[in-house]
């Protein structure tokens, strides 16, 4: 599943839920963004603030992207949480007229990745470099 122990998963879960609170994401949308909507009902989300007991690889990947998006938004708008929320909810030309939040909700992990790469170019460069290296190794 992951290389995290239960304490680390608890810390990660709390960090992600605080981030979603900062973005003013509803419990219904939060469970969908986390990819746990089948296991966790929105009303149960409060009890998960002490940490998810089980975590799929998909949910772990989503949480990593949420943390990365939060860090990139804090870098882009360091003095205004309101601007971070506005950016997430404003139509963006690179997302075909959708808001970043809509992209994340509709496209799951792929949408989270798109939003993260849009905000954090160094992350995008690292992904491109890793893909390039992998293709070089496969062709050798």
N, C-alpha and C. Protein backbone atom coordinates (compact mmCIF):
# COMPACT_ATOMS: atom_id res chain seq x y z
N UNK A 1 0.83 -1.19 0.00
CA UNK A 1 0.00 0.00 0.00
C UNK A 1 0.87 1.24 0.00
N UNK A 2 1.65 1.49 1.05
CA UNK A 2 2.51 2.67 1.10
C UNK A 2 3.64 2.41 2.08
N UNK A 3 4.61 3.30 2.05
CA UNK A 3 5.73 3.20 2.97
C UNK A 3 5.50 4.01 4.23
N UNK A 4 4.28 4.52 4.42
CA UNK A 4 3.95 5.32 5.58
C UNK A 4 3.48 4.43 6.73
N UNK A 5 3.88 4.78 7.95
CA UNK A 5 3.31 4.09 9.10
C UNK A 5 2.01 4.80 9.48
N UNK A 6 1.28 4.26 10.44
CA UNK A 6 -0.03 4.81 10.77
C UNK A 6 0.06 6.25 11.29
N UNK A 7 1.10 6.56 12.03
CA UNK A 7 1.26 7.93 12.54
C UNK A 7 1.47 8.92 11.38
N UNK A 8 2.29 8.53 10.42
CA UNK A 8 2.53 9.40 9.26
C UNK A 8 1.26 9.57 8.42
N UNK A 9 0.49 8.50 8.28
CA UNK A 9 -0.78 8.60 7.56
C UNK A 9 -1.75 9.53 8.27
N UNK A 10 -1.77 9.47 9.60
CA UNK A 10 -2.63 10.36 10.37
C UNK A 10 -2.24 11.81 10.15
N UNK A 11 -0.95 12.11 10.18
CA UNK A 11 -0.47 13.48 9.97
C UNK A 11 -0.82 13.95 8.57
N UNK A 12 -0.60 13.09 7.57
CA UNK A 12 -0.92 13.43 6.19
C UNK A 12 -2.41 13.69 6.04
N UNK A 13 -3.23 12.83 6.60
CA UNK A 13 -4.68 12.99 6.51
C UNK A 13 -5.11 14.31 7.13
N UNK A 14 -4.60 14.62 8.30
CA UNK A 14 -4.96 15.88 8.96
C UNK A 14 -4.52 17.08 8.12
N UNK A 15 -3.32 17.01 7.55
CA UNK A 15 -2.82 18.10 6.71
C UNK A 15 -3.73 18.30 5.50
N UNK A 16 -4.10 17.22 4.85
CA UNK A 16 -4.94 17.32 3.66
C UNK A 16 -6.33 17.85 4.01
N UNK A 17 -6.91 17.37 5.09
CA UNK A 17 -8.24 17.85 5.47
C UNK A 17 -8.20 19.32 5.86
N UNK A 18 -7.13 19.76 6.52
CA UNK A 18 -6.98 21.20 6.81
C UNK A 18 -6.88 22.00 5.52
N UNK A 19 -6.17 21.45 4.54
CA UNK A 19 -6.04 22.14 3.26
C UNK A 19 -7.40 22.26 2.58
N UNK A 20 -8.17 21.19 2.57
CA UNK A 20 -9.50 21.24 1.96
C UNK A 20 -10.41 22.22 2.71
N UNK A 21 -10.26 22.30 4.03
CA UNK A 21 -11.02 23.30 4.80
C UNK A 21 -10.63 24.71 4.39
N UNK A 22 -9.33 24.94 4.23
CA UNK A 22 -8.83 26.26 3.82
C UNK A 22 -9.42 26.66 2.47
N UNK A 23 -9.55 25.69 1.57
CA UNK A 23 -10.12 25.96 0.25
C UNK A 23 -11.64 26.02 0.29
N UNK A 24 -12.23 25.80 1.46
CA UNK A 24 -13.68 25.81 1.64
C UNK A 24 -14.39 24.76 0.78
N UNK A 25 -13.79 23.58 0.74
CA UNK A 25 -14.35 22.45 0.00
C UNK A 25 -15.36 21.74 0.91
N UNK A 26 -16.54 21.47 0.39
CA UNK A 26 -17.58 20.81 1.18
C UNK A 26 -17.17 19.38 1.50
N UNK A 27 -17.76 18.79 2.55
CA UNK A 27 -17.46 17.39 2.86
C UNK A 27 -17.78 16.44 1.70
N UNK A 28 -18.85 16.72 0.96
CA UNK A 28 -19.21 15.87 -0.18
C UNK A 28 -18.11 15.90 -1.25
N UNK A 29 -17.63 17.10 -1.55
CA UNK A 29 -16.57 17.23 -2.55
C UNK A 29 -15.24 16.70 -2.00
N UNK A 30 -15.03 16.84 -0.71
CA UNK A 30 -13.79 16.35 -0.11
C UNK A 30 -13.65 14.85 -0.26
N UNK A 31 -14.70 14.11 0.05
CA UNK A 31 -14.60 12.65 -0.08
C UNK A 31 -14.42 12.24 -1.53
N UNK A 32 -15.00 13.01 -2.45
CA UNK A 32 -14.83 12.72 -3.87
C UNK A 32 -13.39 13.02 -4.30
N UNK A 33 -12.84 14.15 -3.89
CA UNK A 33 -11.46 14.50 -4.23
C UNK A 33 -10.47 13.49 -3.68
N UNK A 34 -10.75 12.99 -2.48
CA UNK A 34 -9.86 12.01 -1.85
C UNK A 34 -10.03 10.61 -2.42
N UNK A 35 -11.08 10.40 -3.20
CA UNK A 35 -11.29 9.08 -3.78
C UNK A 35 -11.76 8.06 -2.78
N UNK A 36 -12.40 8.52 -1.72
CA UNK A 36 -12.88 7.59 -0.69
C UNK A 36 -14.41 7.60 -0.59
N UNK A 37 -15.08 8.11 -1.62
CA UNK A 37 -16.52 8.27 -1.55
C UNK A 37 -17.28 6.96 -1.39
N UNK A 38 -16.67 5.86 -1.77
CA UNK A 38 -17.33 4.56 -1.59
C UNK A 38 -17.25 4.09 -0.13
N UNK A 39 -16.13 4.41 0.53
CA UNK A 39 -15.91 3.93 1.90
C UNK A 39 -16.37 4.91 2.97
N UNK A 40 -16.32 6.20 2.65
CA UNK A 40 -16.56 7.23 3.66
C UNK A 40 -17.72 8.12 3.21
N UNK A 41 -18.69 8.26 4.06
CA UNK A 41 -19.79 9.18 3.80
C UNK A 41 -19.37 10.58 4.25
N UNK A 42 -19.87 11.62 3.59
CA UNK A 42 -19.48 12.98 3.98
C UNK A 42 -19.66 13.27 5.47
N UNK A 43 -20.71 12.73 6.08
CA UNK A 43 -20.94 12.99 7.50
C UNK A 43 -19.88 12.31 8.39
N UNK A 44 -19.18 11.31 7.85
CA UNK A 44 -18.15 10.61 8.61
C UNK A 44 -16.78 11.28 8.49
N UNK A 45 -16.67 12.28 7.64
CA UNK A 45 -15.38 12.90 7.38
C UNK A 45 -14.76 13.48 8.65
N UNK A 46 -15.59 14.02 9.52
CA UNK A 46 -15.07 14.61 10.76
C UNK A 46 -14.30 13.58 11.59
N UNK A 47 -14.79 12.36 11.62
CA UNK A 47 -14.10 11.33 12.41
C UNK A 47 -12.77 10.93 11.78
N UNK A 48 -12.60 11.20 10.49
CA UNK A 48 -11.36 10.85 9.82
C UNK A 48 -10.27 11.89 10.02
N UNK A 49 -10.57 12.95 10.71
CA UNK A 49 -9.55 13.96 11.00
C UNK A 49 -8.48 13.40 11.94
N UNK A 50 -8.77 12.30 12.58
CA UNK A 50 -7.75 11.65 13.40
C UNK A 50 -6.92 10.69 12.56
N UNK A 51 -7.26 10.58 11.27
CA UNK A 51 -6.46 9.76 10.37
C UNK A 51 -7.28 8.68 9.70
N UNK A 52 -6.99 8.45 8.44
CA UNK A 52 -7.65 7.37 7.72
C UNK A 52 -7.09 6.04 8.20
N UNK A 53 -7.94 5.11 8.41
CA UNK A 53 -7.50 3.80 8.92
C UNK A 53 -6.93 2.95 7.79
N UNK A 54 -7.52 3.05 6.63
CA UNK A 54 -7.00 2.36 5.45
C UNK A 54 -6.91 3.39 4.34
N UNK A 55 -5.96 3.18 3.47
CA UNK A 55 -5.75 4.17 2.42
C UNK A 55 -5.30 3.45 1.16
N UNK A 56 -6.05 3.61 0.09
CA UNK A 56 -5.68 2.99 -1.17
C UNK A 56 -4.53 3.77 -1.81
N UNK A 57 -3.87 3.14 -2.74
CA UNK A 57 -2.78 3.82 -3.47
C UNK A 57 -3.33 5.03 -4.22
N UNK A 58 -4.54 4.91 -4.75
CA UNK A 58 -5.19 6.01 -5.44
C UNK A 58 -5.40 7.21 -4.51
N UNK A 59 -5.93 6.94 -3.32
CA UNK A 59 -6.17 8.01 -2.35
C UNK A 59 -4.86 8.64 -1.89
N UNK A 60 -3.85 7.83 -1.70
CA UNK A 60 -2.54 8.35 -1.29
C UNK A 60 -1.97 9.27 -2.37
N UNK A 61 -2.10 8.88 -3.63
CA UNK A 61 -1.64 9.72 -4.73
C UNK A 61 -2.42 11.03 -4.77
N UNK A 62 -3.74 10.95 -4.59
CA UNK A 62 -4.57 12.15 -4.57
C UNK A 62 -4.14 13.09 -3.45
N UNK A 63 -3.87 12.52 -2.29
CA UNK A 63 -3.46 13.34 -1.15
C UNK A 63 -2.13 14.03 -1.43
N UNK A 64 -1.22 13.33 -2.07
CA UNK A 64 0.05 13.93 -2.43
C UNK A 64 -0.13 15.12 -3.36
N UNK A 65 -1.04 14.98 -4.32
CA UNK A 65 -1.30 16.08 -5.24
C UNK A 65 -1.98 17.25 -4.53
N UNK A 66 -2.89 16.96 -3.61
CA UNK A 66 -3.56 18.03 -2.87
C UNK A 66 -2.54 18.82 -2.06
N UNK A 67 -1.62 18.12 -1.41
CA UNK A 67 -0.56 18.80 -0.65
C UNK A 67 0.29 19.65 -1.60
N UNK A 68 0.66 19.09 -2.74
CA UNK A 68 1.46 19.83 -3.71
C UNK A 68 0.74 21.05 -4.25
N UNK A 69 -0.54 20.92 -4.53
CA UNK A 69 -1.34 22.05 -5.01
C UNK A 69 -1.41 23.12 -3.93
N UNK A 70 -1.61 22.70 -2.69
CA UNK A 70 -1.66 23.66 -1.58
C UNK A 70 -0.36 24.43 -1.44
N UNK A 71 0.76 23.72 -1.55
CA UNK A 71 2.06 24.38 -1.45
C UNK A 71 2.26 25.37 -2.59
N UNK A 72 1.88 24.98 -3.80
CA UNK A 72 2.03 25.86 -4.96
C UNK A 72 1.14 27.09 -4.85
N UNK A 73 -0.08 26.91 -4.35
CA UNK A 73 -0.96 28.07 -4.17
C UNK A 73 -0.42 29.01 -3.10
N UNK A 74 0.16 28.46 -2.04
CA UNK A 74 0.76 29.32 -1.00
C UNK A 74 1.96 30.08 -1.54
N UNK A 75 2.69 29.47 -2.46
CA UNK A 75 3.82 30.16 -3.08
C UNK A 75 3.32 31.26 -4.02
N UNK A 76 2.28 30.96 -4.78
CA UNK A 76 1.74 31.92 -5.74
C UNK A 76 1.01 33.07 -5.04
N UNK A 77 0.26 32.77 -4.00
CA UNK A 77 -0.52 33.76 -3.26
C UNK A 77 -0.18 33.68 -1.78
N UNK A 78 1.03 34.10 -1.40
CA UNK A 78 1.48 33.89 -0.01
C UNK A 78 0.72 34.69 1.05
N UNK A 79 0.07 35.76 0.66
CA UNK A 79 -0.58 36.62 1.65
C UNK A 79 -2.09 36.58 1.60
N UNK A 80 -2.65 35.68 0.77
CA UNK A 80 -4.10 35.72 0.61
C UNK A 80 -4.70 34.34 0.36
N UNK A 81 -5.30 33.80 1.40
CA UNK A 81 -6.03 32.54 1.23
C UNK A 81 -7.24 32.76 0.33
N UNK A 82 -7.79 33.98 0.36
CA UNK A 82 -8.94 34.29 -0.49
C UNK A 82 -8.57 34.18 -1.97
N UNK A 83 -7.37 34.60 -2.33
CA UNK A 83 -6.93 34.49 -3.73
C UNK A 83 -6.72 33.02 -4.12
N UNK A 84 -6.28 32.21 -3.18
CA UNK A 84 -6.12 30.78 -3.47
C UNK A 84 -7.48 30.18 -3.80
N UNK A 85 -8.47 30.51 -3.00
CA UNK A 85 -9.83 30.01 -3.22
C UNK A 85 -10.38 30.53 -4.55
N UNK A 86 -10.13 31.82 -4.81
CA UNK A 86 -10.60 32.42 -6.06
C UNK A 86 -9.98 31.71 -7.26
N UNK A 87 -8.66 31.43 -7.20
CA UNK A 87 -8.00 30.76 -8.32
C UNK A 87 -8.62 29.39 -8.57
N UNK A 88 -8.91 28.65 -7.51
CA UNK A 88 -9.50 27.31 -7.67
C UNK A 88 -10.90 27.35 -8.27
N UNK A 89 -11.60 28.46 -8.08
CA UNK A 89 -12.99 28.55 -8.50
C UNK A 89 -13.22 29.45 -9.70
N UNK A 90 -12.15 29.90 -10.32
CA UNK A 90 -12.25 30.79 -11.47
C UNK A 90 -11.98 30.00 -12.75
N UNK A 91 -12.80 30.24 -13.77
CA UNK A 91 -12.62 29.58 -15.06
C UNK A 91 -11.22 29.88 -15.58
N UNK A 92 -10.58 28.85 -16.11
CA UNK A 92 -9.20 28.96 -16.56
C UNK A 92 -9.11 28.51 -18.02
N UNK A 93 -8.46 29.31 -18.85
CA UNK A 93 -8.38 28.99 -20.29
C UNK A 93 -7.66 27.68 -20.55
N UNK A 94 -6.68 27.33 -19.73
CA UNK A 94 -5.94 26.09 -19.97
C UNK A 94 -6.73 24.84 -19.56
N UNK A 95 -7.86 25.05 -18.92
CA UNK A 95 -8.70 23.92 -18.54
C UNK A 95 -10.00 23.94 -19.34
N UNK A 96 -9.92 24.41 -20.57
CA UNK A 96 -11.05 24.41 -21.50
C UNK A 96 -12.29 25.09 -20.90
N UNK A 97 -12.07 26.21 -20.25
CA UNK A 97 -13.19 26.97 -19.70
C UNK A 97 -13.77 26.42 -18.42
N UNK A 98 -13.09 25.48 -17.80
CA UNK A 98 -13.53 24.93 -16.52
C UNK A 98 -12.70 25.55 -15.41
N UNK A 99 -13.20 25.44 -14.21
CA UNK A 99 -12.41 25.88 -13.06
C UNK A 99 -11.45 24.76 -12.67
N UNK A 100 -10.33 25.10 -12.02
CA UNK A 100 -9.44 24.04 -11.54
C UNK A 100 -10.16 23.04 -10.63
N UNK A 101 -11.06 23.54 -9.80
CA UNK A 101 -11.80 22.63 -8.91
C UNK A 101 -12.66 21.67 -9.72
N UNK A 102 -13.31 22.15 -10.78
CA UNK A 102 -14.11 21.26 -11.63
C UNK A 102 -13.23 20.19 -12.27
N UNK A 103 -12.05 20.58 -12.73
CA UNK A 103 -11.13 19.62 -13.35
C UNK A 103 -10.74 18.55 -12.34
N UNK A 104 -10.41 18.97 -11.12
CA UNK A 104 -10.03 18.00 -10.08
C UNK A 104 -11.19 17.07 -9.74
N UNK A 105 -12.40 17.62 -9.66
CA UNK A 105 -13.56 16.81 -9.30
C UNK A 105 -13.93 15.83 -10.42
N UNK A 106 -13.91 16.30 -11.65
CA UNK A 106 -14.37 15.49 -12.78
C UNK A 106 -13.34 14.47 -13.25
N UNK A 107 -12.06 14.80 -13.13
CA UNK A 107 -11.03 13.95 -13.72
C UNK A 107 -10.20 13.17 -12.70
N UNK A 108 -10.50 13.31 -11.41
CA UNK A 108 -9.81 12.53 -10.39
C UNK A 108 -8.32 12.78 -10.35
N UNK A 109 -7.54 11.71 -10.30
CA UNK A 109 -6.08 11.82 -10.20
C UNK A 109 -5.51 12.61 -11.38
N UNK A 110 -6.01 12.33 -12.58
CA UNK A 110 -5.52 13.06 -13.75
C UNK A 110 -5.80 14.56 -13.63
N UNK A 111 -6.96 14.91 -13.13
CA UNK A 111 -7.30 16.31 -12.94
C UNK A 111 -6.45 16.97 -11.87
N UNK A 112 -6.20 16.27 -10.79
CA UNK A 112 -5.32 16.79 -9.75
C UNK A 112 -3.92 17.02 -10.31
N UNK A 113 -3.46 16.09 -11.11
CA UNK A 113 -2.14 16.21 -11.73
C UNK A 113 -2.09 17.42 -12.67
N UNK A 114 -3.13 17.60 -13.49
CA UNK A 114 -3.18 18.74 -14.40
C UNK A 114 -3.10 20.06 -13.64
N UNK A 115 -3.87 20.16 -12.57
CA UNK A 115 -3.88 21.39 -11.79
C UNK A 115 -2.52 21.61 -11.13
N UNK A 116 -1.94 20.55 -10.59
CA UNK A 116 -0.64 20.69 -9.94
C UNK A 116 0.44 21.13 -10.91
N UNK A 117 0.47 20.54 -12.10
CA UNK A 117 1.46 20.92 -13.10
C UNK A 117 1.25 22.36 -13.55
N UNK A 118 0.01 22.78 -13.67
CA UNK A 118 -0.28 24.17 -14.04
C UNK A 118 0.27 25.15 -13.01
N UNK A 119 0.14 24.81 -11.75
CA UNK A 119 0.60 25.70 -10.67
C UNK A 119 2.10 25.59 -10.40
N UNK A 120 2.65 24.41 -10.55
CA UNK A 120 4.03 24.16 -10.14
C UNK A 120 4.84 23.67 -11.32
N UNK A 121 5.47 24.60 -12.03
CA UNK A 121 6.20 24.22 -13.24
C UNK A 121 7.38 23.31 -12.92
N UNK A 122 8.00 23.45 -11.76
CA UNK A 122 9.13 22.57 -11.44
C UNK A 122 8.68 21.12 -11.31
N UNK A 123 7.47 20.91 -10.80
CA UNK A 123 6.92 19.56 -10.72
C UNK A 123 6.70 19.02 -12.14
N UNK A 124 6.17 19.85 -13.01
CA UNK A 124 5.97 19.45 -14.40
C UNK A 124 7.28 19.11 -15.09
N UNK A 125 8.32 19.93 -14.84
CA UNK A 125 9.63 19.65 -15.42
C UNK A 125 10.18 18.32 -14.91
N UNK A 126 10.01 18.07 -13.63
CA UNK A 126 10.50 16.81 -13.05
C UNK A 126 9.80 15.61 -13.68
N UNK A 127 8.48 15.73 -13.89
CA UNK A 127 7.75 14.64 -14.55
C UNK A 127 8.24 14.42 -15.97
N UNK A 128 8.42 15.51 -16.70
CA UNK A 128 8.88 15.40 -18.09
C UNK A 128 10.28 14.79 -18.14
N UNK A 129 11.15 15.19 -17.23
CA UNK A 129 12.50 14.65 -17.18
C UNK A 129 12.48 13.15 -16.88
N UNK A 130 11.63 12.76 -15.92
CA UNK A 130 11.52 11.34 -15.57
C UNK A 130 11.02 10.52 -16.76
N UNK A 131 10.05 11.05 -17.48
CA UNK A 131 9.54 10.34 -18.66
C UNK A 131 10.60 10.25 -19.74
N UNK A 132 11.36 11.31 -19.93
CA UNK A 132 12.43 11.31 -20.92
C UNK A 132 13.48 10.25 -20.57
N UNK A 133 13.89 10.23 -19.30
CA UNK A 133 14.89 9.24 -18.86
C UNK A 133 14.38 7.82 -19.04
N UNK A 134 13.12 7.61 -18.73
CA UNK A 134 12.54 6.28 -18.88
C UNK A 134 12.52 5.85 -20.34
N UNK A 135 12.16 6.76 -21.24
CA UNK A 135 12.13 6.42 -22.66
C UNK A 135 13.54 6.17 -23.20
N UNK A 136 14.52 6.90 -22.68
CA UNK A 136 15.91 6.67 -23.08
C UNK A 136 16.38 5.28 -22.66
N UNK A 137 16.02 4.88 -21.43
CA UNK A 137 16.42 3.57 -20.92
C UNK A 137 15.76 2.45 -21.70
N UNK A 138 14.51 2.66 -22.08
CA UNK A 138 13.77 1.62 -22.83
C UNK A 138 14.30 1.47 -24.25
N UNK A 139 14.78 2.56 -24.83
CA UNK A 139 15.29 2.47 -26.19
C UNK A 139 16.73 1.97 -26.26
N UNK A 140 17.39 1.96 -25.11
CA UNK A 140 18.80 1.50 -25.09
C UNK A 140 18.93 0.01 -25.04
